[in-house]
Amino acid sequence: MGKAGFTLVEILIVISIVVILMGITIGSFLRSLQKAKLSTASAFIAQLDTAISMYKIDMGKYPSDEQGSASLKRALDPSPSDSIRSNPQWNGPYLEFKDREVNKYDELLDPWHKGKEDRLHIYSYSADLDHRAFTYPPYHNESSFDIYCKGSDGKTGRRFDAGNYCQNKIDDDGDGVVDELDPNGAGNGYLEDDANNW
């Protein structure tokens, strides 16, 4: 009587099934991870919205956007020696930032960041500092402020028929024009994996 065993074909079938199941599981895990990071970014933007509104009530203006999210970090949670703390109108900190939320340039890191050196995966901030709506930026909340992060790919927007509409100060589609926007606002059609406050 011969020994019972698996044939080569049976082993290959089992290995194929295991590989397919692993692929499905890993794909599902990665999608869940992306959704979790997007939810984290959206929640953080909501916190920033509240903190900026509180700052404006006290100071009568939005935080400077000269250095993007670094200016925002300084206004909302300055260092102990910062001169803004001596301003009698300032009643902060309005939001305290953890070390892991800030890169070495004092910019606010998004959930997709790759460490303290990363300057791509940061929140972008622009405000209506001249009190004149329709002077840009901000591009969306024209009489207040815009906050967004670019998501996992580090780019904003998605392709439209006329090109890649973005606001990341980069000519993504190589047509020589920077900061293209959908002129019709097409239902926030710029969104890809971005998180924002509009």
N, C-alpha and C. Protein backbone atom coordinates (compact mmCIF):
# COMPACT_ATOMS: atom_id res chain seq x y z
N MET A 1 0.84 -1.18 0.00
CA MET A 1 0.00 0.00 0.00
C MET A 1 0.88 1.24 0.00
N GLY A 2 0.62 2.23 -0.94
CA GLY A 2 1.43 3.45 -1.05
C GLY A 2 1.11 4.44 0.05
N LYS A 3 2.10 5.35 0.31
CA LYS A 3 1.90 6.39 1.33
C LYS A 3 0.96 7.47 0.79
N ALA A 4 0.04 7.94 1.69
CA ALA A 4 -0.86 9.02 1.31
C ALA A 4 -0.09 10.34 1.35
N GLY A 5 -0.35 11.23 0.43
CA GLY A 5 0.31 12.54 0.41
C GLY A 5 -0.40 13.48 -0.54
N PHE A 6 0.12 14.69 -0.60
CA PHE A 6 -0.45 15.70 -1.49
C PHE A 6 0.30 15.69 -2.81
N THR A 7 -0.44 15.89 -3.87
CA THR A 7 0.22 16.02 -5.17
C THR A 7 0.68 17.47 -5.33
N LEU A 8 1.55 17.68 -6.27
CA LEU A 8 2.06 19.02 -6.53
C LEU A 8 0.92 19.98 -6.89
N VAL A 9 -0.04 19.51 -7.63
CA VAL A 9 -1.18 20.34 -8.03
C VAL A 9 -1.99 20.76 -6.81
N GLU A 10 -2.22 19.83 -5.90
CA GLU A 10 -2.97 20.16 -4.68
C GLU A 10 -2.23 21.20 -3.84
N ILE A 11 -0.93 21.05 -3.72
CA ILE A 11 -0.14 22.02 -2.95
C ILE A 11 -0.21 23.40 -3.60
N LEU A 12 -0.10 23.45 -4.93
CA LEU A 12 -0.18 24.73 -5.63
C LEU A 12 -1.55 25.39 -5.46
N ILE A 13 -2.60 24.59 -5.46
CA ILE A 13 -3.96 25.13 -5.26
C ILE A 13 -4.08 25.73 -3.86
N VAL A 14 -3.59 25.03 -2.86
CA VAL A 14 -3.66 25.52 -1.48
C VAL A 14 -2.86 26.82 -1.35
N ILE A 15 -1.66 26.85 -1.90
CA ILE A 15 -0.83 28.06 -1.84
C ILE A 15 -1.54 29.23 -2.54
N SER A 16 -2.15 28.96 -3.68
CA SER A 16 -2.87 30.02 -4.42
C SER A 16 -4.02 30.58 -3.58
N ILE A 17 -4.76 29.70 -2.93
CA ILE A 17 -5.89 30.15 -2.09
C ILE A 17 -5.38 31.00 -0.93
N VAL A 18 -4.28 30.57 -0.30
CA VAL A 18 -3.71 31.33 0.82
C VAL A 18 -3.25 32.71 0.35
N VAL A 19 -2.60 32.78 -0.80
CA VAL A 19 -2.12 34.06 -1.34
C VAL A 19 -3.29 34.99 -1.65
N ILE A 20 -4.35 34.46 -2.23
CA ILE A 20 -5.53 35.27 -2.55
C ILE A 20 -6.16 35.81 -1.27
N LEU A 21 -6.32 34.96 -0.27
CA LEU A 21 -6.89 35.40 1.01
C LEU A 21 -6.02 36.46 1.68
N MET A 22 -4.70 36.28 1.62
CA MET A 22 -3.79 37.27 2.20
C MET A 22 -3.93 38.61 1.47
N GLY A 23 -4.03 38.56 0.15
CA GLY A 23 -4.19 39.78 -0.63
C GLY A 23 -5.46 40.54 -0.26
N ILE A 24 -6.55 39.81 -0.11
CA ILE A 24 -7.82 40.43 0.28
C ILE A 24 -7.71 41.04 1.66
N THR A 25 -7.11 40.31 2.60
CA THR A 25 -6.97 40.80 3.98
C THR A 25 -6.08 42.04 4.04
N ILE A 26 -4.95 42.00 3.37
CA ILE A 26 -4.02 43.15 3.39
C ILE A 26 -4.67 44.36 2.73
N GLY A 27 -5.34 44.14 1.61
CA GLY A 27 -6.03 45.25 0.93
C GLY A 27 -7.08 45.89 1.82
N SER A 28 -7.85 45.08 2.50
CA SER A 28 -8.87 45.57 3.40
C SER A 28 -8.25 46.34 4.56
N PHE A 29 -7.15 45.83 5.09
CA PHE A 29 -6.45 46.50 6.19
C PHE A 29 -5.93 47.87 5.75
N LEU A 30 -5.34 47.93 4.56
CA LEU A 30 -4.79 49.20 4.08
C LEU A 30 -5.90 50.23 3.83
N ARG A 31 -7.04 49.78 3.30
CA ARG A 31 -8.17 50.70 3.11
C ARG A 31 -8.67 51.22 4.46
N SER A 32 -8.74 50.34 5.44
CA SER A 32 -9.18 50.75 6.78
C SER A 32 -8.21 51.73 7.40
N LEU A 33 -6.92 51.51 7.19
CA LEU A 33 -5.89 52.40 7.71
C LEU A 33 -6.02 53.78 7.07
N GLN A 34 -6.27 53.83 5.76
CA GLN A 34 -6.44 55.11 5.08
C GLN A 34 -7.66 55.86 5.62
N LYS A 35 -8.77 55.13 5.82
CA LYS A 35 -9.98 55.76 6.35
C LYS A 35 -9.74 56.30 7.76
N ALA A 36 -8.99 55.55 8.56
CA ALA A 36 -8.69 56.00 9.92
C ALA A 36 -7.85 57.28 9.89
N LYS A 37 -6.87 57.34 9.00
CA LYS A 37 -6.02 58.54 8.90
C LYS A 37 -6.83 59.73 8.40
N LEU A 38 -7.73 59.49 7.45
CA LEU A 38 -8.57 60.56 6.95
C LEU A 38 -9.49 61.09 8.05
N SER A 39 -10.03 60.19 8.86
CA SER A 39 -10.88 60.60 9.99
C SER A 39 -10.07 61.39 11.02
N THR A 40 -8.84 60.95 11.27
CA THR A 40 -7.96 61.66 12.21
C THR A 40 -7.68 63.07 11.70
N ALA A 41 -7.36 63.20 10.41
CA ALA A 41 -7.08 64.51 9.83
C ALA A 41 -8.31 65.41 9.89
N SER A 42 -9.47 64.88 9.58
CA SER A 42 -10.70 65.68 9.63
C SER A 42 -11.01 66.14 11.04
N ALA A 43 -10.81 65.27 12.03
CA ALA A 43 -11.05 65.64 13.43
C ALA A 43 -10.07 66.72 13.88
N PHE A 44 -8.81 66.61 13.45
CA PHE A 44 -7.80 67.60 13.83
C PHE A 44 -8.13 68.95 13.20
N ILE A 45 -8.59 68.94 11.95
CA ILE A 45 -8.99 70.19 11.29
C ILE A 45 -10.17 70.83 12.02
N ALA A 46 -11.09 70.02 12.50
CA ALA A 46 -12.22 70.55 13.28
C ALA A 46 -11.73 71.21 14.57
N GLN A 47 -10.73 70.61 15.22
CA GLN A 47 -10.14 71.22 16.42
C GLN A 47 -9.47 72.55 16.07
N LEU A 48 -8.75 72.56 14.95
CA LEU A 48 -8.10 73.80 14.51
C LEU A 48 -9.13 74.88 14.22
N ASP A 49 -10.22 74.50 13.57
CA ASP A 49 -11.31 75.45 13.28
C ASP A 49 -11.78 76.15 14.56
N THR A 50 -12.04 75.35 15.58
CA THR A 50 -12.52 75.90 16.85
C THR A 50 -11.48 76.81 17.48
N ALA A 51 -10.22 76.35 17.51
CA ALA A 51 -9.15 77.14 18.13
C ALA A 51 -8.94 78.47 17.39
N ILE A 52 -8.98 78.43 16.07
CA ILE A 52 -8.80 79.66 15.28
C ILE A 52 -9.96 80.63 15.54
N SER A 53 -11.16 80.11 15.64
CA SER A 53 -12.32 80.97 15.93
C SER A 53 -12.18 81.62 17.29
N MET A 54 -11.71 80.88 18.28
CA MET A 54 -11.50 81.45 19.62
C MET A 54 -10.41 82.53 19.58
N TYR A 55 -9.35 82.27 18.83
CA TYR A 55 -8.27 83.25 18.68
C TYR A 55 -8.82 84.53 18.06
N LYS A 56 -9.64 84.39 17.01
CA LYS A 56 -10.18 85.57 16.34
C LYS A 56 -11.09 86.37 17.26
N ILE A 57 -11.87 85.70 18.07
CA ILE A 57 -12.74 86.41 19.02
C ILE A 57 -11.90 87.26 19.97
N ASP A 58 -10.81 86.70 20.46
CA ASP A 58 -9.95 87.41 21.41
C ASP A 58 -9.11 88.50 20.73
N MET A 59 -8.50 88.17 19.61
CA MET A 59 -7.52 89.06 19.00
C MET A 59 -8.11 89.98 17.92
N GLY A 60 -9.32 89.68 17.45
CA GLY A 60 -9.95 90.51 16.45
C GLY A 60 -9.48 90.26 15.02
N LYS A 61 -8.67 89.26 14.82
CA LYS A 61 -8.17 88.92 13.49
C LYS A 61 -7.76 87.45 13.49
N TYR A 62 -7.59 86.89 12.30
CA TYR A 62 -7.14 85.51 12.20
C TYR A 62 -5.63 85.45 12.39
N PRO A 63 -5.12 84.31 12.83
CA PRO A 63 -3.66 84.17 12.92
C PRO A 63 -3.02 84.40 11.56
N SER A 64 -1.82 84.94 11.58
CA SER A 64 -1.08 85.16 10.35
C SER A 64 -0.92 83.85 9.59
N ASP A 65 -0.87 83.95 8.26
CA ASP A 65 -0.62 82.76 7.45
C ASP A 65 0.71 82.87 6.71
N GLU A 66 1.54 83.81 7.15
CA GLU A 66 2.80 84.07 6.46
C GLU A 66 3.66 82.82 6.32
N GLN A 67 3.69 81.99 7.36
CA GLN A 67 4.48 80.76 7.32
C GLN A 67 3.57 79.53 7.39
N GLY A 68 2.36 79.67 6.88
CA GLY A 68 1.43 78.55 6.83
C GLY A 68 1.10 78.01 8.21
N SER A 69 1.18 76.70 8.35
CA SER A 69 0.79 76.09 9.62
C SER A 69 1.78 76.40 10.75
N ALA A 70 3.00 76.80 10.42
CA ALA A 70 3.96 77.21 11.46
C ALA A 70 3.46 78.50 12.13
N SER A 71 2.92 79.44 11.34
CA SER A 71 2.33 80.65 11.91
C SER A 71 1.12 80.31 12.78
N LEU A 72 0.34 79.36 12.31
CA LEU A 72 -0.84 78.93 13.05
C LEU A 72 -0.45 78.30 14.38
N LYS A 73 0.56 77.44 14.36
CA LYS A 73 1.04 76.81 15.59
C LYS A 73 1.52 77.86 16.58
N ARG A 74 2.27 78.86 16.08
CA ARG A 74 2.80 79.91 16.95
C ARG A 74 1.68 80.72 17.59
N ALA A 75 0.62 81.03 16.82
CA ALA A 75 -0.48 81.83 17.35
C ALA A 75 -1.31 81.08 18.38
N LEU A 76 -1.53 79.79 18.13
CA LEU A 76 -2.42 79.02 19.00
C LEU A 76 -1.71 78.43 20.21
N ASP A 77 -0.44 78.05 20.04
CA ASP A 77 0.31 77.40 21.12
C ASP A 77 1.78 77.84 21.07
N PRO A 78 2.04 79.12 21.40
CA PRO A 78 3.42 79.63 21.29
C PRO A 78 4.32 79.06 22.38
N SER A 79 5.62 79.21 22.16
CA SER A 79 6.57 78.79 23.18
C SER A 79 6.41 79.68 24.42
N PRO A 80 6.85 79.22 25.59
CA PRO A 80 6.67 80.00 26.82
C PRO A 80 7.30 81.39 26.76
N SER A 81 8.34 81.57 25.97
CA SER A 81 9.02 82.87 25.89
C SER A 81 8.48 83.78 24.79
N ASP A 82 7.50 83.32 24.01
CA ASP A 82 6.99 84.10 22.89
C ASP A 82 6.29 85.37 23.38
N SER A 83 6.54 86.47 22.68
CA SER A 83 5.99 87.77 23.08
C SER A 83 4.46 87.83 22.99
N ILE A 84 3.85 86.98 22.18
CA ILE A 84 2.38 87.02 22.06
C ILE A 84 1.71 86.71 23.40
N ARG A 85 2.38 85.97 24.27
CA ARG A 85 1.81 85.63 25.58
C ARG A 85 1.62 86.86 26.46
N SER A 86 2.34 87.94 26.19
CA SER A 86 2.20 89.16 27.00
C SER A 86 1.09 90.07 26.49
N ASN A 87 0.49 89.74 25.35
CA ASN A 87 -0.61 90.53 24.81
C ASN A 87 -1.85 90.29 25.69
N PRO A 88 -2.43 91.35 26.25
CA PRO A 88 -3.57 91.16 27.16
C PRO A 88 -4.81 90.56 26.49
N GLN A 89 -4.92 90.67 25.16
CA GLN A 89 -6.07 90.10 24.45
C GLN A 89 -5.93 88.59 24.26
N TRP A 90 -4.70 88.11 24.24
CA TRP A 90 -4.43 86.69 23.97
C TRP A 90 -4.79 85.86 25.20
N ASN A 91 -5.69 84.92 25.07
CA ASN A 91 -6.13 84.08 26.19
C ASN A 91 -5.85 82.61 25.95
N GLY A 92 -4.77 82.32 25.26
CA GLY A 92 -4.42 80.94 24.93
C GLY A 92 -3.67 80.25 26.03
N PRO A 93 -3.11 79.08 25.74
CA PRO A 93 -3.12 78.45 24.42
C PRO A 93 -4.52 77.97 24.03
N TYR A 94 -4.81 78.10 22.75
CA TYR A 94 -6.11 77.73 22.23
C TYR A 94 -6.18 76.26 21.85
N LEU A 95 -5.02 75.70 21.56
CA LEU A 95 -4.91 74.27 21.27
C LEU A 95 -3.46 73.90 21.51
N GLU A 96 -3.23 72.92 22.35
CA GLU A 96 -1.86 72.50 22.64
C GLU A 96 -1.48 71.35 21.72
N PHE A 97 -0.32 71.48 21.10
CA PHE A 97 0.14 70.50 20.13
C PHE A 97 1.16 69.56 20.75
N LYS A 98 1.00 68.28 20.46
CA LYS A 98 1.96 67.27 20.92
C LYS A 98 3.19 67.31 20.02
N ASP A 99 4.30 66.84 20.54
CA ASP A 99 5.55 66.85 19.79
C ASP A 99 5.42 66.09 18.47
N ARG A 100 4.68 64.99 18.47
CA ARG A 100 4.54 64.18 17.25
C ARG A 100 3.67 64.86 16.19
N GLU A 101 2.99 65.95 16.54
CA GLU A 101 2.12 66.67 15.60
C GLU A 101 2.83 67.82 14.89
N VAL A 102 4.11 68.05 15.24
CA VAL A 102 4.85 69.20 14.71
C VAL A 102 6.19 68.72 14.16
N ASN A 103 6.56 69.20 12.97
CA ASN A 103 7.87 68.83 12.43
C ASN A 103 8.94 69.78 12.98
N LYS A 104 10.16 69.59 12.56
CA LYS A 104 11.26 70.40 13.11
C LYS A 104 11.22 71.85 12.63
N TYR A 105 10.34 72.14 11.67
CA TYR A 105 10.17 73.51 11.18
C TYR A 105 8.95 74.18 11.81
N ASP A 106 8.38 73.54 12.82
CA ASP A 106 7.21 74.02 13.56
C ASP A 106 5.93 73.98 12.73
N GLU A 107 5.91 73.21 11.65
CA GLU A 107 4.71 73.05 10.85
C GLU A 107 3.91 71.87 11.40
N LEU A 108 2.60 71.92 11.23
CA LEU A 108 1.73 70.87 11.75
C LEU A 108 1.70 69.68 10.80
N LEU A 109 2.06 68.52 11.31
CA LEU A 109 2.13 67.29 10.52
C LEU A 109 0.77 66.62 10.40
N ASP A 110 0.48 66.09 9.22
CA ASP A 110 -0.76 65.33 9.05
C ASP A 110 -0.51 63.85 9.37
N PRO A 111 -1.56 63.04 9.41
CA PRO A 111 -1.39 61.63 9.80
C PRO A 111 -0.53 60.79 8.86
N TRP A 112 -0.26 61.26 7.66
CA TRP A 112 0.54 60.50 6.70
C TRP A 112 2.03 60.85 6.75
N HIS A 113 2.42 61.69 7.70
CA HIS A 113 3.80 62.19 7.72
C HIS A 113 4.82 61.07 7.89
N LYS A 114 6.03 61.36 7.44
CA LYS A 114 7.12 60.38 7.46
C LYS A 114 8.22 60.78 8.46
N GLY A 115 7.89 61.53 9.47
CA GLY A 115 8.87 61.91 10.48
C GLY A 115 9.04 63.42 10.60
N LYS A 116 9.94 63.82 11.46
CA LYS A 116 10.14 65.23 11.80
C LYS A 116 10.71 66.07 10.65
N GLU A 117 11.31 65.42 9.66
CA GLU A 117 11.89 66.14 8.53
C GLU A 117 10.85 66.40 7.43
N ASP A 118 9.73 65.72 7.47
CA ASP A 118 8.72 65.75 6.40
C ASP A 118 8.10 67.14 6.28
N ARG A 119 8.19 67.73 5.09
CA ARG A 119 7.56 69.03 4.82
C ARG A 119 6.47 68.90 3.77
N LEU A 120 6.22 67.68 3.31
CA LEU A 120 5.19 67.43 2.32
C LEU A 120 3.85 67.13 2.99
N HIS A 121 3.89 66.32 4.02
CA HIS A 121 2.66 65.90 4.71
C HIS A 121 2.39 66.81 5.90
N ILE A 122 2.02 68.05 5.57
CA ILE A 122 1.70 69.03 6.61
C ILE A 122 0.34 69.65 6.28
N TYR A 123 -0.25 70.28 7.28
CA TYR A 123 -1.49 71.02 7.06
C TYR A 123 -1.13 72.37 6.45
N SER A 124 -1.93 72.79 5.48
CA SER A 124 -1.76 74.09 4.86
C SER A 124 -2.82 75.03 5.40
N TYR A 125 -2.43 76.26 5.65
CA TYR A 125 -3.33 77.23 6.26
C TYR A 125 -3.21 78.56 5.51
N SER A 126 -4.34 79.16 5.16
CA SER A 126 -4.36 80.51 4.61
C SER A 126 -5.60 81.21 5.15
N ALA A 127 -5.48 82.53 5.37
CA ALA A 127 -6.56 83.27 6.02
C ALA A 127 -6.86 84.56 5.28
N ASP A 128 -8.08 85.05 5.51
CA ASP A 128 -8.49 86.35 4.99
C ASP A 128 -7.97 87.41 5.96
N LEU A 129 -6.77 87.89 5.71
CA LEU A 129 -6.13 88.85 6.62
C LEU A 129 -6.42 90.30 6.20
N ASP A 130 -6.85 90.51 4.97
CA ASP A 130 -7.12 91.88 4.52
C ASP A 130 -8.60 92.26 4.67
N HIS A 131 -9.40 91.34 5.22
CA HIS A 131 -10.84 91.56 5.44
C HIS A 131 -11.58 91.90 4.15
N ARG A 132 -11.11 91.36 3.06
CA ARG A 132 -11.76 91.57 1.77
C ARG A 132 -11.99 90.21 1.14
N ALA A 133 -13.22 89.78 1.13
CA ALA A 133 -13.54 88.50 0.49
C ALA A 133 -13.22 88.61 -0.99
N PHE A 134 -12.96 87.50 -1.60
CA PHE A 134 -12.65 87.38 -3.03
C PHE A 134 -11.26 87.89 -3.40
N THR A 135 -10.43 88.18 -2.40
CA THR A 135 -9.00 88.35 -2.68
C THR A 135 -8.35 87.08 -2.16
N TYR A 136 -7.53 86.46 -2.96
CA TYR A 136 -7.07 85.10 -2.67
C TYR A 136 -5.64 85.11 -2.18
N PRO A 137 -5.23 84.13 -1.35
CA PRO A 137 -6.07 83.15 -0.67
C PRO A 137 -6.81 83.79 0.50
N PRO A 138 -7.72 83.09 1.17
CA PRO A 138 -8.13 81.71 0.96
C PRO A 138 -9.02 81.54 -0.27
N TYR A 139 -8.99 80.35 -0.83
CA TYR A 139 -9.70 80.08 -2.06
C TYR A 139 -11.13 79.61 -1.85
N HIS A 140 -11.40 79.01 -0.71
CA HIS A 140 -12.72 78.40 -0.49
C HIS A 140 -13.55 79.20 0.50
N ASN A 141 -13.06 79.33 1.72
CA ASN A 141 -13.76 80.10 2.74
C ASN A 141 -13.24 81.54 2.65
N GLU A 142 -13.72 82.25 1.65
CA GLU A 142 -13.09 83.50 1.23
C GLU A 142 -13.08 84.59 2.29
N SER A 143 -14.02 84.58 3.22
CA SER A 143 -14.03 85.61 4.25
C SER A 143 -13.54 85.09 5.59
N SER A 144 -12.94 83.90 5.60
CA SER A 144 -12.39 83.39 6.85
C SER A 144 -11.03 82.73 6.61
N PHE A 145 -10.98 81.40 6.56
CA PHE A 145 -9.69 80.72 6.41
C PHE A 145 -9.88 79.34 5.82
N ASP A 146 -8.83 78.85 5.20
CA ASP A 146 -8.79 77.48 4.66
C ASP A 146 -7.73 76.70 5.41
N ILE A 147 -8.05 75.45 5.73
CA ILE A 147 -7.07 74.50 6.26
C ILE A 147 -7.26 73.21 5.50
N TYR A 148 -6.17 72.62 5.04
CA TYR A 148 -6.28 71.33 4.38
C TYR A 148 -4.97 70.58 4.48
N CYS A 149 -5.05 69.27 4.28
CA CYS A 149 -3.85 68.46 4.11
C CYS A 149 -4.03 67.65 2.85
N LYS A 150 -2.92 67.24 2.27
CA LYS A 150 -2.92 66.66 0.93
C LYS A 150 -3.15 65.16 0.90
N GLY A 151 -3.26 64.52 2.04
CA GLY A 151 -3.51 63.08 2.05
C GLY A 151 -2.26 62.26 1.79
N SER A 152 -2.44 60.99 1.57
CA SER A 152 -1.32 60.05 1.49
C SER A 152 -0.40 60.31 0.32
N ASP A 153 -0.93 60.81 -0.79
CA ASP A 153 -0.10 61.01 -1.98
C ASP A 153 0.64 62.34 -1.98
N GLY A 154 0.37 63.20 -1.02
CA GLY A 154 1.05 64.48 -0.95
C GLY A 154 0.65 65.46 -2.04
N LYS A 155 -0.48 65.20 -2.72
CA LYS A 155 -0.97 66.10 -3.77
C LYS A 155 -2.42 66.44 -3.48
N THR A 156 -2.83 67.61 -3.91
CA THR A 156 -4.23 67.96 -3.76
C THR A 156 -4.92 67.86 -5.11
N GLY A 157 -6.19 67.65 -5.05
CA GLY A 157 -7.00 67.68 -6.26
C GLY A 157 -7.02 66.38 -7.03
N ARG A 158 -7.80 66.39 -8.08
CA ARG A 158 -7.85 65.26 -8.99
C ARG A 158 -8.01 65.81 -10.39
N ARG A 159 -7.88 64.98 -11.36
CA ARG A 159 -7.90 65.48 -12.74
C ARG A 159 -9.32 65.86 -13.18
N PHE A 160 -9.40 67.01 -13.80
CA PHE A 160 -10.61 67.43 -14.48
C PHE A 160 -10.30 67.35 -15.97
N ASP A 161 -11.29 67.63 -16.79
CA ASP A 161 -11.06 67.60 -18.25
C ASP A 161 -9.96 68.57 -18.66
N ALA A 162 -9.92 69.73 -18.00
CA ALA A 162 -8.96 70.76 -18.39
C ALA A 162 -7.63 70.64 -17.66
N GLY A 163 -7.48 69.68 -16.77
CA GLY A 163 -6.20 69.54 -16.07
C GLY A 163 -6.36 69.19 -14.61
N ASN A 164 -5.27 69.22 -13.92
CA ASN A 164 -5.25 68.87 -12.51
C ASN A 164 -5.41 70.13 -11.68
N TYR A 165 -6.56 70.29 -11.08
CA TYR A 165 -6.83 71.49 -10.29
C TYR A 165 -6.32 71.26 -8.88
N CYS A 166 -5.49 72.17 -8.45
CA CYS A 166 -4.84 71.97 -7.16
C CYS A 166 -4.63 73.31 -6.48
N GLN A 167 -4.14 73.28 -5.27
CA GLN A 167 -3.77 74.51 -4.57
C GLN A 167 -2.58 74.24 -3.68
N ASN A 168 -1.65 73.47 -4.17
CA ASN A 168 -0.48 73.13 -3.37
C ASN A 168 0.77 73.88 -3.81
N LYS A 169 0.59 74.96 -4.56
CA LYS A 169 1.69 75.81 -5.01
C LYS A 169 2.68 75.06 -5.89
N ILE A 170 2.20 74.01 -6.56
CA ILE A 170 3.04 73.21 -7.44
C ILE A 170 2.32 73.03 -8.77
N ASP A 171 3.05 73.07 -9.85
CA ASP A 171 2.48 72.81 -11.17
C ASP A 171 2.43 71.29 -11.38
N ASP A 172 1.42 70.65 -10.80
CA ASP A 172 1.34 69.19 -10.81
C ASP A 172 1.22 68.60 -12.21
N ASP A 173 0.47 69.26 -13.09
CA ASP A 173 0.24 68.67 -14.40
C ASP A 173 1.20 69.18 -15.46
N GLY A 174 2.18 70.01 -15.07
CA GLY A 174 3.23 70.44 -15.98
C GLY A 174 2.79 71.36 -17.10
N ASP A 175 1.69 72.11 -16.88
CA ASP A 175 1.24 72.99 -17.95
C ASP A 175 1.73 74.43 -17.77
N GLY A 176 2.58 74.66 -16.78
CA GLY A 176 3.13 76.00 -16.56
C GLY A 176 2.27 76.90 -15.71
N VAL A 177 1.14 76.40 -15.21
CA VAL A 177 0.25 77.20 -14.36
C VAL A 177 0.24 76.59 -12.96
N VAL A 178 0.40 77.43 -11.96
CA VAL A 178 0.41 76.97 -10.57
C VAL A 178 -0.93 77.30 -9.92
N ASP A 179 -1.35 76.46 -9.00
CA ASP A 179 -2.56 76.70 -8.21
C ASP A 179 -3.81 76.84 -9.06
N GLU A 180 -4.03 75.89 -9.93
CA GLU A 180 -5.24 75.92 -10.72
C GLU A 180 -6.42 75.52 -9.84
N LEU A 181 -7.55 76.11 -10.11
CA LEU A 181 -8.77 75.76 -9.38
C LEU A 181 -9.89 75.54 -10.39
N ASP A 182 -10.82 74.70 -10.01
CA ASP A 182 -12.00 74.51 -10.85
C ASP A 182 -12.79 75.82 -10.84
N PRO A 183 -12.91 76.52 -11.96
CA PRO A 183 -13.57 77.83 -11.94
C PRO A 183 -15.04 77.78 -11.55
N ASN A 184 -15.66 76.63 -11.65
CA ASN A 184 -17.07 76.52 -11.30
C ASN A 184 -17.30 75.93 -9.91
N GLY A 185 -16.25 75.62 -9.21
CA GLY A 185 -16.39 75.07 -7.88
C GLY A 185 -16.99 73.68 -7.84
N ALA A 186 -17.24 73.08 -8.92
CA ALA A 186 -17.85 71.75 -9.13
C ALA A 186 -17.95 70.89 -7.89
N GLY A 187 -18.69 71.34 -6.91
CA GLY A 187 -18.97 70.52 -5.73
C GLY A 187 -17.73 70.04 -5.02
N ASN A 188 -16.77 70.94 -4.82
CA ASN A 188 -15.51 70.56 -4.17
C ASN A 188 -14.85 69.41 -4.92
N GLY A 189 -14.87 69.47 -6.21
CA GLY A 189 -14.32 68.42 -7.04
C GLY A 189 -12.83 68.26 -6.92
N TYR A 190 -12.16 69.14 -6.17
CA TYR A 190 -10.72 69.01 -6.01
C TYR A 190 -10.38 67.82 -5.11
N LEU A 191 -11.31 67.34 -4.36
CA LEU A 191 -11.01 66.37 -3.31
C LEU A 191 -10.57 65.03 -3.88
N GLU A 192 -9.55 64.50 -3.30
CA GLU A 192 -9.09 63.16 -3.62
C GLU A 192 -9.02 62.44 -2.28
N ASP A 193 -7.83 62.32 -1.70
CA ASP A 193 -7.74 61.81 -0.33
C ASP A 193 -7.43 62.96 0.62
N ASP A 194 -7.70 64.19 0.17
CA ASP A 194 -7.43 65.36 0.98
C ASP A 194 -8.42 65.44 2.15
N ALA A 195 -8.03 66.18 3.18
CA ALA A 195 -8.93 66.50 4.28
C ALA A 195 -8.90 68.02 4.41
N ASN A 196 -10.06 68.64 4.59
CA ASN A 196 -10.10 70.09 4.63
C ASN A 196 -11.29 70.60 5.43
N ASN A 197 -11.40 71.92 5.51
CA ASN A 197 -12.50 72.53 6.28
C ASN A 197 -13.52 73.22 5.37
N TRP A 198 -13.66 72.75 4.11
CA TRP A 198 -14.68 73.34 3.25
C TRP A 198 -15.54 72.26 2.64
